[in-house]
């Protein structure tokens, strides 16, 4: 993997060469091109992934080697530290793998702004940019306003403001009781929803959103 400074130099060279040919390209696009040539999804993922990453409990700055001096010099009487984990990332993007969630933490660390800090919104923003949200096709049966049972095709987004996007009517509100969800990738399983909250889908099935997303991804690959 290219060192980050070398990658930036290549991106600048790409911009200059294209400009000499009368072609304009944004620097961010050039960075994304360099990242893709290195096998990464985009620049954010590349710069958040160290060349040699070791996932250890004592890793304070994953993008560079740490000799332990930071931990040894930490004084709880004069300093404070806030820890973010992959669990925090998965709480806003349940469809990510553990490694992808860890990459998002790397990005949040590298892009850290002392004015904004790191929040759940910041983590979700980085995650959505680095890993576009996955959608899982499904069929939802629900009770309409007149009491009749209806069936609609939809897609589940693991995380975000709206969990389900209904085909043909994205604004349709499916929250409510007596909902049954069957995913295309898991035809033999049904998930019941008994509260005005999409989280009830997982509470009633005793399965977390992350576990379900991983199960769906595995089933789609098989």
Protein backbone atom coordinates (compact mmCIF):
# COMPACT_ATOMS: atom_id res chain seq x y z
CA UNK A 1 0.00 0.00 0.00
CA UNK A 2 1.23 3.49 -0.85
CA UNK A 3 2.12 5.79 1.99
CA UNK A 4 -0.51 8.50 2.40
CA UNK A 5 1.90 11.34 1.42
CA UNK A 6 2.92 9.41 -1.73
CA UNK A 7 -0.73 8.81 -2.61
CA UNK A 8 -1.49 12.52 -2.27
CA UNK A 9 1.46 13.32 -4.52
CA UNK A 10 0.13 10.93 -7.16
CA UNK A 11 -3.31 12.56 -6.95
CA UNK A 12 -1.79 16.03 -7.45
CA UNK A 13 0.20 14.74 -10.42
CA UNK A 14 -2.97 13.26 -11.92
CA UNK A 15 -4.77 16.60 -11.58
CA UNK A 16 -1.86 18.45 -13.22
CA UNK A 17 -1.55 15.98 -16.11
CA UNK A 18 -5.27 16.13 -16.86
CA UNK A 19 -5.27 19.92 -16.68
CA UNK A 20 -2.45 19.94 -19.24
CA UNK A 21 -4.78 18.00 -21.53
CA UNK A 22 -7.58 20.49 -20.94
CA UNK A 23 -9.49 18.23 -18.58
CA UNK A 24 -10.65 19.38 -15.16
CA UNK A 25 -10.90 17.03 -12.19
CA UNK A 26 -11.47 17.78 -8.53
CA UNK A 27 -8.69 16.85 -6.14
CA UNK A 28 -11.06 14.62 -4.17
CA UNK A 29 -11.89 12.68 -7.33
CA UNK A 30 -8.19 12.25 -8.05
CA UNK A 31 -7.65 10.92 -4.53
CA UNK A 32 -10.50 8.43 -5.02
CA UNK A 33 -8.91 7.25 -8.29
CA UNK A 34 -5.56 6.66 -6.56
CA UNK A 35 -7.31 4.81 -3.76
CA UNK A 36 -9.17 2.54 -6.19
CA UNK A 37 -5.92 1.73 -7.98
CA UNK A 38 -4.65 0.55 -4.60
CA UNK A 39 -7.68 -1.70 -4.17
CA UNK A 40 -9.75 0.47 -1.81
CA UNK A 41 -13.36 1.57 -2.20
CA UNK A 42 -12.43 5.26 -1.98
CA UNK A 43 -9.94 7.71 -0.47
CA UNK A 44 -11.58 7.84 2.95
CA UNK A 45 -11.24 4.09 3.37
CA UNK A 46 -7.64 4.11 2.15
CA UNK A 47 -6.46 6.88 4.43
CA UNK A 48 -8.21 5.28 7.37
CA UNK A 49 -6.53 1.92 6.79
CA UNK A 50 -2.95 1.64 8.06
CA UNK A 51 -0.49 -0.43 6.03
CA UNK A 52 0.02 -2.81 8.93
CA UNK A 53 -2.89 -2.78 11.31
CA UNK A 54 -2.89 -4.68 14.57
CA UNK A 55 -6.16 -4.75 16.41
CA UNK A 56 -5.05 -4.80 20.02
CA UNK A 57 -6.68 -3.49 23.16
CA UNK A 58 -3.84 -1.02 23.76
CA UNK A 59 -3.88 0.51 20.29
CA UNK A 60 -4.41 4.24 20.81
CA UNK A 61 -3.64 5.57 17.32
CA UNK A 62 -4.26 2.75 14.78
CA UNK A 63 -2.82 4.63 11.81
CA UNK A 64 0.70 4.78 13.26
CA UNK A 65 2.89 2.71 15.51
CA UNK A 66 2.54 3.46 19.20
CA UNK A 67 5.26 2.52 21.67
CA UNK A 68 3.02 2.68 24.71
CA UNK A 69 4.26 6.09 25.86
CA UNK A 70 0.80 7.61 25.50
CA UNK A 71 -0.71 5.07 27.86
CA UNK A 72 2.18 5.26 30.30
CA UNK A 73 1.99 9.05 30.42
CA UNK A 74 -1.78 9.23 30.76
CA UNK A 75 -2.72 10.99 33.98
CA UNK A 76 -6.41 10.58 34.91
CA UNK A 77 -6.06 13.44 37.39
CA UNK A 78 -5.15 15.90 34.63
CA UNK A 79 -6.50 14.36 31.44
CA UNK A 80 -9.68 12.80 30.13
CA UNK A 81 -10.22 10.33 27.31
CA UNK A 82 -13.38 9.31 25.47
CA UNK A 83 -13.41 5.88 23.84
CA UNK A 84 -15.44 4.96 20.76
CA UNK A 85 -15.79 1.34 19.70
CA UNK A 86 -16.99 -0.66 16.72
CA UNK A 87 -20.16 -1.23 18.73
CA UNK A 88 -20.91 2.49 18.51
CA UNK A 89 -20.47 2.38 14.73
CA UNK A 90 -22.66 -0.71 14.43
CA UNK A 91 -25.40 1.01 16.43
CA UNK A 92 -25.87 3.46 13.54
CA UNK A 93 -24.86 1.11 10.69
CA UNK A 94 -25.82 -2.42 11.61
CA UNK A 95 -25.02 -3.73 8.12
CA UNK A 96 -21.26 -3.20 8.48
CA UNK A 97 -18.83 -5.98 9.37
CA UNK A 98 -16.57 -5.55 12.38
CA UNK A 99 -13.62 -4.71 10.10
CA UNK A 100 -15.66 -2.13 8.19
CA UNK A 101 -16.79 -0.56 11.47
CA UNK A 102 -13.15 -0.41 12.59
CA UNK A 103 -12.26 1.33 9.32
CA UNK A 104 -14.92 3.94 10.10
CA UNK A 105 -13.28 4.56 13.48
CA UNK A 106 -9.96 5.10 11.67
CA UNK A 107 -11.58 7.64 9.38
CA UNK A 108 -13.23 9.45 12.30
CA UNK A 109 -9.86 9.64 14.04
CA UNK A 110 -8.02 10.96 10.99
CA UNK A 111 -10.78 13.45 10.10
CA UNK A 112 -11.30 14.54 13.71
CA UNK A 113 -12.34 18.16 14.15
CA UNK A 114 -11.90 19.50 17.66
CA UNK A 115 -14.86 21.85 17.17
CA UNK A 116 -17.26 19.11 16.09
CA UNK A 117 -15.71 16.16 17.88
CA UNK A 118 -16.95 12.64 17.32
CA UNK A 119 -20.67 11.96 17.63
CA UNK A 120 -23.03 9.27 16.40
CA UNK A 121 -23.99 11.57 13.54
CA UNK A 122 -20.32 11.97 12.61
CA UNK A 123 -19.77 8.20 12.68
CA UNK A 124 -22.83 7.60 10.52
CA UNK A 125 -21.71 10.28 8.05
CA UNK A 126 -18.27 8.68 7.67
CA UNK A 127 -19.82 5.22 7.41
CA UNK A 128 -22.33 6.26 4.75
CA UNK A 129 -19.59 7.86 2.65
CA UNK A 130 -17.12 5.00 2.93
CA UNK A 131 -19.70 2.20 2.72
CA UNK A 132 -22.97 3.06 0.91
CA UNK A 133 -25.95 1.68 2.79
CA UNK A 134 -26.91 -1.89 1.94
CA UNK A 135 -30.51 -2.78 1.17
CA UNK A 136 -32.16 -6.15 1.66
CA UNK A 137 -35.30 -7.00 -0.40
CA UNK A 138 -38.26 -8.27 1.58
CA UNK A 139 -42.04 -8.66 1.65
CA UNK A 140 -44.05 -6.99 4.41
CA UNK A 141 -47.55 -7.97 5.44
CA UNK A 142 -49.41 -5.40 7.48
CA UNK A 143 -52.90 -4.35 8.51
CA UNK A 144 -54.28 -1.37 6.58
CA UNK A 145 -56.46 1.40 7.93
CA UNK A 146 -59.67 -0.47 7.04
CA UNK A 147 -58.50 -3.57 8.88
CA UNK A 148 -57.64 -5.59 5.79
CA UNK A 149 -54.39 -7.47 5.54
CA UNK A 150 -52.06 -6.15 2.85
CA UNK A 151 -48.73 -7.19 1.38
CA UNK A 152 -46.06 -4.88 -0.08
CA UNK A 153 -42.58 -5.28 -1.48
CA UNK A 154 -39.91 -3.30 0.34
CA UNK A 155 -36.22 -3.03 1.16
CA UNK A 156 -34.75 -2.96 4.64
CA UNK A 157 -31.91 -0.53 5.32
CA UNK A 158 -29.93 -1.64 8.35
CA UNK A 159 -29.70 1.72 10.11
CA UNK A 160 -30.73 5.24 9.25
CA UNK A 161 -33.91 7.22 9.75
CA UNK A 162 -36.22 4.93 7.74
CA UNK A 163 -35.64 1.23 8.17
CA UNK A 164 -37.95 0.18 5.33
CA UNK A 165 -38.32 1.66 1.86
CA UNK A 166 -41.51 0.52 0.12
CA UNK A 167 -41.42 -0.06 -3.62
CA UNK A 168 -43.65 2.43 -5.45
CA UNK A 169 -44.45 4.41 -2.30
CA UNK A 170 -41.31 5.42 -0.34
CA UNK A 171 -43.39 7.65 1.96
CA UNK A 172 -45.67 4.85 3.18
CA UNK A 173 -45.41 4.59 6.97
CA UNK A 174 -45.31 0.92 7.95
CA UNK A 175 -44.82 1.44 11.67
CA UNK A 176 -47.50 -0.19 13.75
CA UNK A 177 -48.58 -3.55 15.06
CA UNK A 178 -49.32 -6.81 13.25
CA UNK A 179 -46.46 -6.60 10.76
CA UNK A 180 -44.71 -9.65 9.37
CA UNK A 181 -41.46 -9.40 7.41
CA UNK A 182 -40.02 -12.11 5.15
CA UNK A 183 -36.62 -11.46 3.58
CA UNK A 184 -35.89 -12.81 0.10
CA UNK A 185 -32.55 -14.21 1.30
CA UNK A 186 -34.20 -16.03 4.25
CA UNK A 187 -37.48 -17.36 2.81
CA UNK A 188 -37.99 -19.83 5.61
CA UNK A 189 -37.99 -17.24 8.40
CA UNK A 190 -40.55 -14.64 9.44
CA UNK A 191 -40.01 -11.63 11.68
CA UNK A 192 -42.90 -10.15 13.60
CA UNK A 193 -43.25 -6.49 14.54
CA UNK A 194 -45.50 -5.63 17.45
CA UNK A 195 -44.61 -2.03 18.36
CA UNK A 196 -44.48 1.37 16.66
CA UNK A 197 -40.77 0.99 16.29
CA UNK A 198 -38.81 -0.92 13.67
CA UNK A 199 -36.46 -2.06 16.41
CA UNK A 200 -39.29 -4.34 17.56
CA UNK A 201 -38.53 -6.49 14.54
CA UNK A 202 -35.34 -7.61 16.22
CA UNK A 203 -36.62 -7.59 19.78
CA UNK A 204 -39.39 -10.01 18.89
CA UNK A 205 -37.02 -12.34 17.04
CA UNK A 206 -34.29 -12.15 19.70
CA UNK A 207 -31.85 -11.17 16.99
CA UNK A 208 -29.88 -7.93 16.83
CA UNK A 209 -29.97 -5.77 13.72
CA UNK A 210 -26.27 -6.45 13.18
CA UNK A 211 -26.65 -10.23 13.50
CA UNK A 212 -29.57 -10.18 11.07
CA UNK A 213 -27.64 -8.06 8.56
CA UNK A 214 -24.67 -10.43 8.71
CA UNK A 215 -27.01 -13.42 8.26
CA UNK A 216 -28.61 -11.76 5.23
CA UNK A 217 -25.24 -10.92 3.69
CA UNK A 218 -24.05 -14.48 4.16
CA UNK A 219 -27.25 -15.87 2.63
CA UNK A 220 -26.96 -13.56 -0.39
CA UNK A 221 -23.40 -14.74 -1.02
CA UNK A 222 -24.27 -18.42 -0.81
